[in-house]
PDB file of N, CA and C in Angstrom:
ATOM      1  N   MET A   1     -23.026  -9.623 -17.553  1.00  0.00           N
ATOM      2  CA  MET A   1     -23.391  -9.593 -16.146  1.00  0.00           C
ATOM      3  C   MET A   1     -22.133  -9.703 -15.292  1.00  0.00           C
ATOM      4  N   GLU A   2     -22.041  -8.880 -14.270  1.00  0.00           N
ATOM      5  CA  GLU A   2     -20.855  -8.860 -13.413  1.00  0.00           C
ATOM      6  C   GLU A   2     -20.926  -9.934 -12.345  1.00  0.00           C
ATOM      7  N   THR A   3     -19.785 -10.507 -12.042  1.00  0.00           N
ATOM      8  CA  THR A   3     -19.677 -11.444 -10.951  1.00  0.00           C
ATOM      9  C   THR A   3     -19.398 -10.652  -9.677  1.00  0.00           C
ATOM     10  N   VAL A   4     -20.072 -10.983  -8.605  1.00  0.00           N
ATOM     11  CA  VAL A   4     -19.842 -10.298  -7.343  1.00  0.00           C
ATOM     12  C   VAL A   4     -19.099 -11.255  -6.420  1.00  0.00           C
ATOM     13  N   LEU A   5     -17.908 -10.862  -6.012  1.00  0.00           N
ATOM     14  CA  LEU A   5     -17.084 -11.656  -5.108  1.00  0.00           C
ATOM     15  C   LEU A   5     -17.016 -10.934  -3.782  1.00  0.00           C
ATOM     16  N   ALA A   6     -17.543 -11.556  -2.756  1.00  0.00           N
ATOM     17  CA  ALA A   6     -17.523 -10.988  -1.404  1.00  0.00           C
ATOM     18  C   ALA A   6     -18.030  -9.553  -1.390  1.00  0.00           C
ATOM     19  N   GLY A   7     -19.107  -9.285  -2.140  1.00  0.00           N
ATOM     20  CA  GLY A   7     -19.680  -7.941  -2.167  1.00  0.00           C
ATOM     21  C   GLY A   7     -18.953  -6.962  -3.077  1.00  0.00           C
ATOM     22  N   TRP A   8     -18.101  -7.452  -3.943  1.00  0.00           N
ATOM     23  CA  TRP A   8     -17.327  -6.603  -4.853  1.00  0.00           C
ATOM     24  C   TRP A   8     -17.693  -6.960  -6.285  1.00  0.00           C
ATOM     25  N   THR A   9     -18.093  -5.955  -7.045  1.00  0.00           N
ATOM     26  CA  THR A   9     -18.365  -6.182  -8.463  1.00  0.00           C
ATOM     27  C   THR A   9     -17.035  -6.317  -9.215  1.00  0.00           C
ATOM     28  N   ASP A  10     -17.117  -6.801 -10.439  1.00  0.00           N
ATOM     29  CA  ASP A  10     -15.904  -6.894 -11.266  1.00  0.00           C
ATOM     30  C   ASP A  10     -15.262  -5.521 -11.435  1.00  0.00           C
ATOM     31  N   GLU A  11     -16.102  -4.496 -11.652  1.00  0.00           N
ATOM     32  CA  GLU A  11     -15.579  -3.138 -11.824  1.00  0.00           C
ATOM     33  C   GLU A  11     -14.876  -2.659 -10.553  1.00  0.00           C
ATOM     34  N   GLU A  12     -15.477  -2.914  -9.400  1.00  0.00           N
ATOM     35  CA  GLU A  12     -14.860  -2.512  -8.132  1.00  0.00           C
ATOM     36  C   GLU A  12     -13.545  -3.253  -7.899  1.00  0.00           C
ATOM     37  N   GLN A  13     -13.515  -4.522  -8.244  1.00  0.00           N
ATOM     38  CA  GLN A  13     -12.284  -5.296  -8.094  1.00  0.00           C
ATOM     39  C   GLN A  13     -11.171  -4.724  -8.966  1.00  0.00           C
ATOM     40  N   ALA A  14     -11.514  -4.320 -10.176  1.00  0.00           N
ATOM     41  CA  ALA A  14     -10.520  -3.733 -11.082  1.00  0.00           C
ATOM     42  C   ALA A  14     -10.014  -2.398 -10.529  1.00  0.00           C
ATOM     43  N   ILE A  15     -10.915  -1.571 -10.017  1.00  0.00           N
ATOM     44  CA  ILE A  15     -10.532  -0.283  -9.420  1.00  0.00           C
ATOM     45  C   ILE A  15      -9.630  -0.519  -8.216  1.00  0.00           C
ATOM     46  N   ALA A  16     -10.029  -1.464  -7.373  1.00  0.00           N
ATOM     47  CA  ALA A  16      -9.254  -1.768  -6.168  1.00  0.00           C
ATOM     48  C   ALA A  16      -7.860  -2.270  -6.526  1.00  0.00           C
ATOM     49  N   LYS A  17      -7.771  -3.145  -7.496  1.00  0.00           N
ATOM     50  CA  LYS A  17      -6.470  -3.699  -7.888  1.00  0.00           C
ATOM     51  C   LYS A  17      -5.564  -2.610  -8.464  1.00  0.00           C
ATOM     52  N   GLN A  18      -6.127  -1.733  -9.289  1.00  0.00           N
ATOM     53  CA  GLN A  18      -5.334  -0.631  -9.868  1.00  0.00           C
ATOM     54  C   GLN A  18      -4.828   0.300  -8.775  1.00  0.00           C
ATOM     55  N   ALA A  19      -5.697   0.657  -7.836  1.00  0.00           N
ATOM     56  CA  ALA A  19      -5.303   1.540  -6.739  1.00  0.00           C
ATOM     57  C   ALA A  19      -4.239   0.875  -5.871  1.00  0.00           C
ATOM     58  N   PHE A  20      -4.433  -0.394  -5.573  1.00  0.00           N
ATOM     59  CA  PHE A  20      -3.480  -1.165  -4.773  1.00  0.00           C
ATOM     60  C   PHE A  20      -2.113  -1.189  -5.453  1.00  0.00           C
ATOM     61  N   ASP A  21      -2.094  -1.506  -6.731  1.00  0.00           N
ATOM     62  CA  ASP A  21      -0.832  -1.578  -7.484  1.00  0.00           C
ATOM     63  C   ASP A  21      -0.136  -0.221  -7.545  1.00  0.00           C
ATOM     64  N   SER A  22      -0.903   0.847  -7.693  1.00  0.00           N
ATOM     65  CA  SER A  22      -0.318   2.192  -7.722  1.00  0.00           C
ATOM     66  C   SER A  22       0.316   2.539  -6.385  1.00  0.00           C
ATOM     67  N   ALA A  23      -0.381   2.225  -5.301  1.00  0.00           N
ATOM     68  CA  ALA A  23       0.153   2.503  -3.963  1.00  0.00           C
ATOM     69  C   ALA A  23       1.410   1.668  -3.702  1.00  0.00           C
ATOM     70  N   TYR A  24       1.401   0.427  -4.133  1.00  0.00           N
ATOM     71  CA  TYR A  24       2.577  -0.429  -3.967  1.00  0.00           C
ATOM     72  C   TYR A  24       3.771   0.157  -4.736  1.00  0.00           C
ATOM     73  N   GLY A  25       3.513   0.606  -5.935  1.00  0.00           N
ATOM     74  CA  GLY A  25       4.574   1.226  -6.728  1.00  0.00           C
ATOM     75  C   GLY A  25       5.153   2.448  -6.029  1.00  0.00           C
ATOM     76  N   ARG A  26       4.287   3.251  -5.406  1.00  0.00           N
ATOM     77  CA  ARG A  26       4.769   4.429  -4.670  1.00  0.00           C
ATOM     78  C   ARG A  26       5.611   4.010  -3.469  1.00  0.00           C
ATOM     79  N   ALA A  27       5.171   2.988  -2.757  1.00  0.00           N
ATOM     80  CA  ALA A  27       5.928   2.520  -1.594  1.00  0.00           C
ATOM     81  C   ALA A  27       7.314   2.027  -2.009  1.00  0.00           C
ATOM     82  N   ILE A  28       7.380   1.324  -3.118  1.00  0.00           N
ATOM     83  CA  ILE A  28       8.666   0.826  -3.609  1.00  0.00           C
ATOM     84  C   ILE A  28       9.528   1.992  -4.087  1.00  0.00           C
ATOM     85  N   ALA A  29       8.930   2.994  -4.694  1.00  0.00           N
ATOM     86  CA  ALA A  29       9.693   4.171  -5.135  1.00  0.00           C
ATOM     87  C   ALA A  29      10.285   4.908  -3.938  1.00  0.00           C
ATOM     88  N   VAL A  30       9.524   5.047  -2.865  1.00  0.00           N
ATOM     89  CA  VAL A  30      10.029   5.688  -1.643  1.00  0.00           C
ATOM     90  C   VAL A  30      11.175   4.860  -1.066  1.00  0.00           C
ATOM     91  N   LEU A  31      10.997   3.550  -1.019  1.00  0.00           N
ATOM     92  CA  LEU A  31      12.053   2.679  -0.511  1.00  0.00           C
ATOM     93  C   LEU A  31      13.310   2.781  -1.370  1.00  0.00           C
ATOM     94  N   THR A  32      13.138   2.781  -2.667  1.00  0.00           N
ATOM     95  CA  THR A  32      14.279   2.867  -3.582  1.00  0.00           C
ATOM     96  C   THR A  32      15.052   4.165  -3.377  1.00  0.00           C
ATOM     97  N   GLU A  33      14.347   5.271  -3.233  1.00  0.00           N
ATOM     98  CA  GLU A  33      15.016   6.557  -3.006  1.00  0.00           C
ATOM     99  C   GLU A  33      15.747   6.554  -1.661  1.00  0.00           C
ATOM    100  N   THR A  34      15.113   6.002  -0.654  1.00  0.00           N
ATOM    101  CA  THR A  34      15.754   5.903   0.661  1.00  0.00           C
ATOM    102  C   THR A  34      17.025   5.064   0.570  1.00  0.00           C
ATOM    103  N   LEU A  35      16.956   3.984  -0.181  1.00  0.00           N
ATOM    104  CA  LEU A  35      18.140   3.131  -0.351  1.00  0.00           C
ATOM    105  C   LEU A  35      19.273   3.872  -1.043  1.00  0.00           C
ATOM    106  N   ARG A  36      18.934   4.631  -2.082  1.00  0.00           N
ATOM    107  CA  ARG A  36      19.975   5.400  -2.777  1.00  0.00           C
ATOM    108  C   ARG A  36      20.695   6.334  -1.800  1.00  0.00           C
ATOM    109  N   GLU A  37      19.920   6.987  -0.953  1.00  0.00           N
ATOM    110  CA  GLU A  37      20.511   7.905   0.021  1.00  0.00           C
ATOM    111  C   GLU A  37      21.366   7.157   1.039  1.00  0.00           C
ATOM    112  N   ARG A  38      20.880   6.031   1.504  1.00  0.00           N
ATOM    113  CA  ARG A  38      21.620   5.273   2.518  1.00  0.00           C
ATOM    114  C   ARG A  38      22.895   4.646   1.962  1.00  0.00           C
ATOM    115  N   VAL A  39      22.833   4.196   0.712  1.00  0.00           N
ATOM    116  CA  VAL A  39      24.007   3.565   0.098  1.00  0.00           C
ATOM    117  C   VAL A  39      25.161   4.561   0.004  1.00  0.00           C
ATOM    118  N   ARG A  40      24.833   5.820  -0.230  1.00  0.00           N
ATOM    119  CA  ARG A  40      25.881   6.844  -0.323  1.00  0.00           C
ATOM    120  C   ARG A  40      26.629   7.030   0.994  1.00  0.00           C
ATOM    121  N   THR A  41      26.040   6.603   2.090  1.00  0.00           N
ATOM    122  CA  THR A  41      26.676   6.797   3.401  1.00  0.00           C
ATOM    123  C   THR A  41      27.396   5.551   3.907  1.00  0.00           C
ATOM    124  N   ILE A  42      27.457   4.509   3.088  1.00  0.00           N
ATOM    125  CA  ILE A  42      28.130   3.281   3.505  1.00  0.00           C
ATOM    126  C   ILE A  42      29.642   3.501   3.476  1.00  0.00           C
ATOM    127  N   HIS A  43      30.267   3.214   4.629  1.00  0.00           N
ATOM    128  CA  HIS A  43      31.716   3.369   4.738  1.00  0.00           C
ATOM    129  C   HIS A  43      32.409   2.122   5.268  1.00  0.00           C
ATOM    130  N   GLY A  44      31.627   1.137   5.652  1.00  0.00           N
ATOM    131  CA  GLY A  44      32.254  -0.060   6.182  1.00  0.00           C
ATOM    132  C   GLY A  44      31.249  -1.169   6.393  1.00  0.00           C
ATOM    133  N   ALA A  45      31.749  -2.261   6.914  1.00  0.00           N
ATOM    134  CA  ALA A  45      30.930  -3.458   7.111  1.00  0.00           C
ATOM    135  C   ALA A  45      29.720  -3.187   8.004  1.00  0.00           C
ATOM    136  N   GLU A  46      29.899  -2.437   9.066  1.00  0.00           N
ATOM    137  CA  GLU A  46      28.780  -2.159   9.980  1.00  0.00           C
ATOM    138  C   GLU A  46      27.640  -1.443   9.252  1.00  0.00           C
ATOM    139  N   ASP A  47      27.982  -0.543   8.353  1.00  0.00           N
ATOM    140  CA  ASP A  47      26.956   0.144   7.557  1.00  0.00           C
ATOM    141  C   ASP A  47      26.220  -0.836   6.640  1.00  0.00           C
ATOM    142  N   VAL A  48      26.944  -1.790   6.099  1.00  0.00           N
ATOM    143  CA  VAL A  48      26.335  -2.800   5.232  1.00  0.00           C
ATOM    144  C   VAL A  48      25.339  -3.639   6.024  1.00  0.00           C
ATOM    145  N   TRP A  49      25.750  -4.057   7.231  1.00  0.00           N
ATOM    146  CA  TRP A  49      24.852  -4.889   8.048  1.00  0.00           C
ATOM    147  C   TRP A  49      23.631  -4.095   8.502  1.00  0.00           C
ATOM    148  N   GLN A  50      23.811  -2.817   8.785  1.00  0.00           N
ATOM    149  CA  GLN A  50      22.669  -1.978   9.137  1.00  0.00           C
ATOM    150  C   GLN A  50      21.716  -1.828   7.957  1.00  0.00           C
ATOM    151  N   LEU A  51      22.266  -1.711   6.754  1.00  0.00           N
ATOM    152  CA  LEU A  51      21.436  -1.627   5.557  1.00  0.00           C
ATOM    153  C   LEU A  51      20.660  -2.935   5.364  1.00  0.00           C
ATOM    154  N   HIS A  52      21.322  -4.046   5.593  1.00  0.00           N
ATOM    155  CA  HIS A  52      20.662  -5.350   5.502  1.00  0.00           C
ATOM    156  C   HIS A  52      19.499  -5.432   6.493  1.00  0.00           C
ATOM    157  N   ASP A  53      19.737  -5.013   7.720  1.00  0.00           N
ATOM    158  CA  ASP A  53      18.677  -5.033   8.729  1.00  0.00           C
ATOM    159  C   ASP A  53      17.522  -4.122   8.321  1.00  0.00           C
ATOM    160  N   PHE A  54      17.858  -2.945   7.830  1.00  0.00           N
ATOM    161  CA  PHE A  54      16.848  -2.002   7.361  1.00  0.00           C
ATOM    162  C   PHE A  54      15.988  -2.634   6.260  1.00  0.00           C
ATOM    163  N   LEU A  55      16.645  -3.262   5.290  1.00  0.00           N
ATOM    164  CA  LEU A  55      15.913  -3.892   4.188  1.00  0.00           C
ATOM    165  C   LEU A  55      15.025  -5.033   4.673  1.00  0.00           C
ATOM    166  N   SER A  56      15.515  -5.801   5.623  1.00  0.00           N
ATOM    167  CA  SER A  56      14.708  -6.894   6.165  1.00  0.00           C
ATOM    168  C   SER A  56      13.447  -6.364   6.833  1.00  0.00           C
ATOM    169  N   ILE A  57      13.594  -5.299   7.597  1.00  0.00           N
ATOM    170  CA  ILE A  57      12.444  -4.687   8.265  1.00  0.00           C
ATOM    171  C   ILE A  57      11.477  -4.114   7.231  1.00  0.00           C
ATOM    172  N   GLN A  58      12.004  -3.432   6.231  1.00  0.00           N
ATOM    173  CA  GLN A  58      11.155  -2.843   5.201  1.00  0.00           C
ATOM    174  C   GLN A  58      10.399  -3.912   4.417  1.00  0.00           C
ATOM    175  N   ARG A  59      11.081  -5.001   4.109  1.00  0.00           N
ATOM    176  CA  ARG A  59      10.414  -6.086   3.381  1.00  0.00           C
ATOM    177  C   ARG A  59       9.264  -6.649   4.203  1.00  0.00           C
ATOM    178  N   HIS A  60       9.525  -6.905   5.471  1.00  0.00           N
ATOM    179  CA  HIS A  60       8.487  -7.431   6.360  1.00  0.00           C
ATOM    180  C   HIS A  60       7.314  -6.458   6.447  1.00  0.00           C
ATOM    181  N   SER A  61       7.628  -5.187   6.580  1.00  0.00           N
ATOM    182  CA  SER A  61       6.598  -4.154   6.695  1.00  0.00           C
ATOM    183  C   SER A  61       5.762  -4.047   5.417  1.00  0.00           C
ATOM    184  N   ILE A  62       6.424  -3.994   4.283  1.00  0.00           N
ATOM    185  CA  ILE A  62       5.715  -3.849   3.009  1.00  0.00           C
ATOM    186  C   ILE A  62       4.880  -5.088   2.713  1.00  0.00           C
ATOM    187  N   GLU A  63       5.445  -6.265   2.919  1.00  0.00           N
ATOM    188  CA  GLU A  63       4.691  -7.486   2.653  1.00  0.00           C
ATOM    189  C   GLU A  63       3.484  -7.608   3.586  1.00  0.00           C
ATOM    190  N   GLY A  64       3.633  -7.146   4.824  1.00  0.00           N
ATOM    191  CA  GLY A  64       2.513  -7.175   5.752  1.00  0.00           C
ATOM    192  C   GLY A  64       1.463  -6.133   5.435  1.00  0.00           C
ATOM    193  N   HIS A  65       1.904  -5.007   4.969  1.00  0.00           N
ATOM    194  CA  HIS A  65       1.023  -3.876   4.676  1.00  0.00           C
ATOM    195  C   HIS A  65       0.227  -4.098   3.392  1.00  0.00           C
ATOM    196  N   PHE A  66       0.848  -4.655   2.392  1.00  0.00           N
ATOM    197  CA  PHE A  66       0.227  -4.808   1.078  1.00  0.00           C
ATOM    198  C   PHE A  66      -0.334  -6.218   0.917  1.00  0.00           C
ATOM    199  N   ASP A  67      -1.532  -6.385   1.430  1.00  0.00           N
ATOM    200  CA  ASP A  67      -2.218  -7.670   1.387  1.00  0.00           C
ATOM    201  C   ASP A  67      -3.517  -7.474   0.610  1.00  0.00           C
ATOM    202  N   PHE A  68      -3.566  -7.962  -0.620  1.00  0.00           N
ATOM    203  CA  PHE A  68      -4.741  -7.752  -1.463  1.00  0.00           C
ATOM    204  C   PHE A  68      -5.714  -8.926  -1.314  1.00  0.00           C
ATOM    205  N   ARG A  69      -6.397  -8.923  -0.186  1.00  0.00           N
ATOM    206  CA  ARG A  69      -7.516  -9.843   0.020  1.00  0.00           C
ATOM    207  C   ARG A  69      -8.738  -8.966   0.256  1.00  0.00           C
ATOM    208  N   LEU A  70      -9.770  -9.181  -0.530  1.00  0.00           N
ATOM    209  CA  LEU A  70     -10.921  -8.297  -0.489  1.00  0.00           C
ATOM    210  C   LEU A  70     -11.595  -8.244   0.877  1.00  0.00           C
ATOM    211  N   ASP A  71     -11.472  -9.312   1.675  1.00  0.00           N
ATOM    212  CA  ASP A  71     -12.125  -9.289   2.978  1.00  0.00           C
ATOM    213  C   ASP A  71     -11.476  -8.300   3.944  1.00  0.00           C
ATOM    214  N   GLY A  72     -10.278  -7.833   3.664  1.00  0.00           N
ATOM    215  CA  GLY A  72      -9.622  -6.861   4.537  1.00  0.00           C
ATOM    216  C   GLY A  72      -9.105  -5.632   3.807  1.00  0.00           C
ATOM    217  N   ILE A  73      -9.451  -5.511   2.546  1.00  0.00           N
ATOM    218  CA  ILE A  73      -8.851  -4.456   1.714  1.00  0.00           C
ATOM    219  C   ILE A  73      -9.266  -3.058   2.146  1.00  0.00           C
ATOM    220  N   LEU A  74     -10.434  -2.898   2.755  1.00  0.00           N
ATOM    221  CA  LEU A  74     -10.838  -1.560   3.201  1.00  0.00           C
ATOM    222  C   LEU A  74      -9.870  -1.045   4.263  1.00  0.00           C
ATOM    223  N   PHE A  75      -9.424  -1.930   5.156  1.00  0.00           N
ATOM    224  CA  PHE A  75      -8.439  -1.542   6.169  1.00  0.00           C
ATOM    225  C   PHE A  75      -7.102  -1.194   5.525  1.00  0.00           C
ATOM    226  N   VAL A  76      -6.718  -1.983   4.540  1.00  0.00           N
ATOM    227  CA  VAL A  76      -5.469  -1.723   3.816  1.00  0.00           C
ATOM    228  C   VAL A  76      -5.542  -0.359   3.137  1.00  0.00           C
ATOM    229  N   PHE A  77      -6.641  -0.096   2.447  1.00  0.00           N
ATOM    230  CA  PHE A  77      -6.791   1.192   1.762  1.00  0.00           C
ATOM    231  C   PHE A  77      -6.782   2.348   2.754  1.00  0.00           C
ATOM    232  N   ALA A  78      -7.446   2.197   3.878  1.00  0.00           N
ATOM    233  CA  ALA A  78      -7.454   3.262   4.893  1.00  0.00           C
ATOM    234  C   ALA A  78      -6.044   3.547   5.374  1.00  0.00           C
ATOM    235  N   SER A  79      -5.285   2.504   5.605  1.00  0.00           N
ATOM    236  CA  SER A  79      -3.903   2.663   6.046  1.00  0.00           C
ATOM    237  C   SER A  79      -3.051   3.335   4.970  1.00  0.00           C
ATOM    238  N   LEU A  80      -3.257   2.960   3.724  1.00  0.00           N
ATOM    239  CA  LEU A  80      -2.496   3.558   2.625  1.00  0.00           C
ATOM    240  C   LEU A  80      -2.845   5.028   2.432  1.00  0.00           C
ATOM    241  N   VAL A  81      -4.121   5.376   2.620  1.00  0.00           N
ATOM    242  CA  VAL A  81      -4.527   6.783   2.550  1.00  0.00           C
ATOM    243  C   VAL A  81      -3.864   7.552   3.688  1.00  0.00           C
ATOM    244  N   LYS A  82      -3.907   6.982   4.870  1.00  0.00           N
ATOM    245  CA  LYS A  82      -3.303   7.629   6.037  1.00  0.00           C
ATOM    246  C   LYS A  82      -1.803   7.838   5.822  1.00  0.00           C
ATOM    247  N   ASP A  83      -1.146   6.870   5.205  1.00  0.00           N
ATOM    248  CA  ASP A  83       0.299   6.946   4.950  1.00  0.00           C
ATOM    249  C   ASP A  83       0.646   7.756   3.702  1.00  0.00           C
ATOM    250  N   LYS A  84      -0.380   8.312   3.059  1.00  0.00           N
ATOM    251  CA  LYS A  84      -0.220   9.156   1.866  1.00  0.00           C
ATOM    252  C   LYS A  84       0.376   8.393   0.674  1.00  0.00           C
ATOM    253  N   LEU A  85       0.091   7.106   0.627  1.00  0.00           N
ATOM    254  CA  LEU A  85       0.495   6.300  -0.520  1.00  0.00           C
ATOM    255  C   LEU A  85      -0.655   6.109  -1.500  1.00  0.00           C
ATOM    256  N   LEU A  86      -1.856   6.544  -1.088  1.00  0.00           N
ATOM    257  CA  LEU A  86      -3.051   6.399  -1.900  1.00  0.00           C
ATOM    258  C   LEU A  86      -3.954   7.601  -1.665  1.00  0.00           C
ATOM    259  N   GLU A  87      -4.539   8.097  -2.733  1.00  0.00           N
ATOM    260  CA  GLU A  87      -5.501   9.190  -2.646  1.00  0.00           C
ATOM    261  C   GLU A  87      -6.902   8.605  -2.786  1.00  0.00           C
ATOM    262  N   LEU A  88      -7.840   9.170  -2.042  1.00  0.00           N
ATOM    263  CA  LEU A  88      -9.218   8.670  -2.101  1.00  0.00           C
ATOM    264  C   LEU A  88      -9.796   8.722  -3.513  1.00  0.00           C
ATOM    265  N   ASP A  89      -9.405   9.714  -4.295  1.00  0.00           N
ATOM    266  CA  ASP A  89      -9.960   9.816  -5.653  1.00  0.00           C
ATOM    267  C   ASP A  89      -9.531   8.653  -6.551  1.00  0.00           C
ATOM    268  N   GLU A  90      -8.473   7.936  -6.155  1.00  0.00           N
ATOM    269  CA  GLU A  90      -8.065   6.753  -6.915  1.00  0.00           C
ATOM    270  C   GLU A  90      -9.050   5.598  -6.716  1.00  0.00           C
ATOM    271  N   LEU A  91      -9.925   5.742  -5.736  1.00  0.00           N
ATOM    272  CA  LEU A  91     -10.913   4.713  -5.438  1.00  0.00           C
ATOM    273  C   LEU A  91     -12.300   5.077  -5.966  1.00  0.00           C
ATOM    274  N   THR A  92     -12.366   6.149  -6.741  1.00  0.00           N
ATOM    275  CA  THR A  92     -13.634   6.556  -7.338  1.00  0.00           C
ATOM    276  C   THR A  92     -14.200   5.404  -8.158  1.00  0.00           C
ATOM    277  N   GLY A  93     -15.458   5.120  -7.927  1.00  0.00           N
ATOM    278  CA  GLY A  93     -16.110   4.006  -8.604  1.00  0.00           C
ATOM    279  C   GLY A  93     -16.465   2.888  -7.655  1.00  0.00           C
ATOM    280  N   LEU A  94     -15.848   2.911  -6.471  1.00  0.00           N
ATOM    281  CA  LEU A  94     -16.241   1.941  -5.455  1.00  0.00           C
ATOM    282  C   LEU A  94     -17.585   2.363  -4.877  1.00  0.00           C
ATOM    283  N   ASP A  95     -18.266   1.415  -4.303  1.00  0.00           N
ATOM    284  CA  ASP A  95     -19.534   1.690  -3.641  1.00  0.00           C
ATOM    285  C   ASP A  95     -19.347   2.810  -2.618  1.00  0.00           C
ATOM    286  N   PRO A  96     -20.260   3.784  -2.574  1.00  0.00           N
ATOM    287  CA  PRO A  96     -20.121   4.901  -1.627  1.00  0.00           C
ATOM    288  C   PRO A  96     -19.963   4.466  -0.172  1.00  0.00           C
ATOM    289  N   GLU A  97     -20.581   3.369   0.204  1.00  0.00           N
ATOM    290  CA  GLU A  97     -20.443   2.877   1.573  1.00  0.00           C
ATOM    291  C   GLU A  97     -19.001   2.421   1.840  1.00  0.00           C
ATOM    292  N   LYS A  98     -18.393   1.774   0.879  1.00  0.00           N
ATOM    293  CA  LYS A  98     -16.990   1.352   1.019  1.00  0.00           C
ATOM    294  C   LYS A  98     -16.086   2.583   1.136  1.00  0.00           C
ATOM    295  N   LEU A  99     -16.329   3.573   0.284  1.00  0.00           N
ATOM    296  CA  LEU A  99     -15.532   4.807   0.334  1.00  0.00           C
ATOM    297  C   LEU A  99     -15.695   5.511   1.677  1.00  0.00           C
ATOM    298  N   ALA A 100     -16.901   5.541   2.206  1.00  0.00           N
ATOM    299  CA  ALA A 100     -17.148   6.180   3.500  1.00  0.00           C
ATOM    300  C   ALA A 100     -16.393   5.461   4.616  1.00  0.00           C
ATOM    301  N   LYS A 101     -16.369   4.143   4.565  1.00  0.00           N
ATOM    302  CA  LYS A 101     -15.641   3.369   5.582  1.00  0.00           C
ATOM    303  C   LYS A 101     -14.132   3.637   5.484  1.00  0.00           C
ATOM    304  N   ILE A 102     -13.611   3.648   4.277  1.00  0.00           N
ATOM    305  CA  ILE A 102     -12.185   3.921   4.074  1.00  0.00           C
ATOM    306  C   ILE A 102     -11.845   5.314   4.595  1.00  0.00           C
ATOM    307  N   THR A 103     -12.670   6.278   4.250  1.00  0.00           N
ATOM    308  CA  THR A 103     -12.449   7.659   4.683  1.00  0.00           C
ATOM    309  C   THR A 103     -12.453   7.757   6.209  1.00  0.00           C
ATOM    310  N   ALA A 104     -13.436   7.150   6.835  1.00  0.00           N
ATOM    311  CA  ALA A 104     -13.534   7.199   8.297  1.00  0.00           C
ATOM    312  C   ALA A 104     -12.336   6.525   8.958  1.00  0.00           C
ATOM    313  N   MET A 105     -11.973   5.339   8.471  1.00  0.00           N
ATOM    314  CA  MET A 105     -10.857   4.603   9.087  1.00  0.00           C
ATOM    315  C   MET A 105      -9.528   5.298   8.866  1.00  0.00           C
ATOM    316  N   SER A 106      -9.395   6.013   7.771  1.00  0.00           N
ATOM    317  CA  SER A 106      -8.109   6.674   7.481  1.00  0.00           C
ATOM    318  C   SER A 106      -7.840   7.856   8.401  1.00  0.00           C
ATOM    319  N   ARG A 107      -8.832   8.280   9.135  1.00  0.00           N
ATOM    320  CA  ARG A 107      -8.667   9.409  10.059  1.00  0.00           C
ATOM    321  C   ARG A 107      -8.083   9.003  11.392  1.00  0.00           C
ATOM    322  N   PHE A 108      -7.973   7.719  11.653  1.00  0.00           N
ATOM    323  CA  PHE A 108      -7.476   7.234  12.957  1.00  0.00           C
ATOM    324  C   PHE A 108      -6.109   6.644  12.846  1.00  0.00           C
TER     325      PHE A 108
END
């Protein structure tokens, strides 16, 4: 018998966690590639400090964006779909109502 947490079955929680982790991995891969490109352009101290500022902003953004709490995860997923870090088909298996909400919110 499945445990339901805040309207989420065990299967849905597993699907959500896998999709979340995949999107996080993509975000980190994009950041890593951006860093490689930026590091090649470092020529002095000012460039280093700008890179530091960039990383601080990115860390704040990623940590704020990737919040795996089921009470707000539909908003997170919609944002990730909108940002092209997550595909709706990665959420196959979620309740159709949840998928419909994610789809609708990702359009705005």
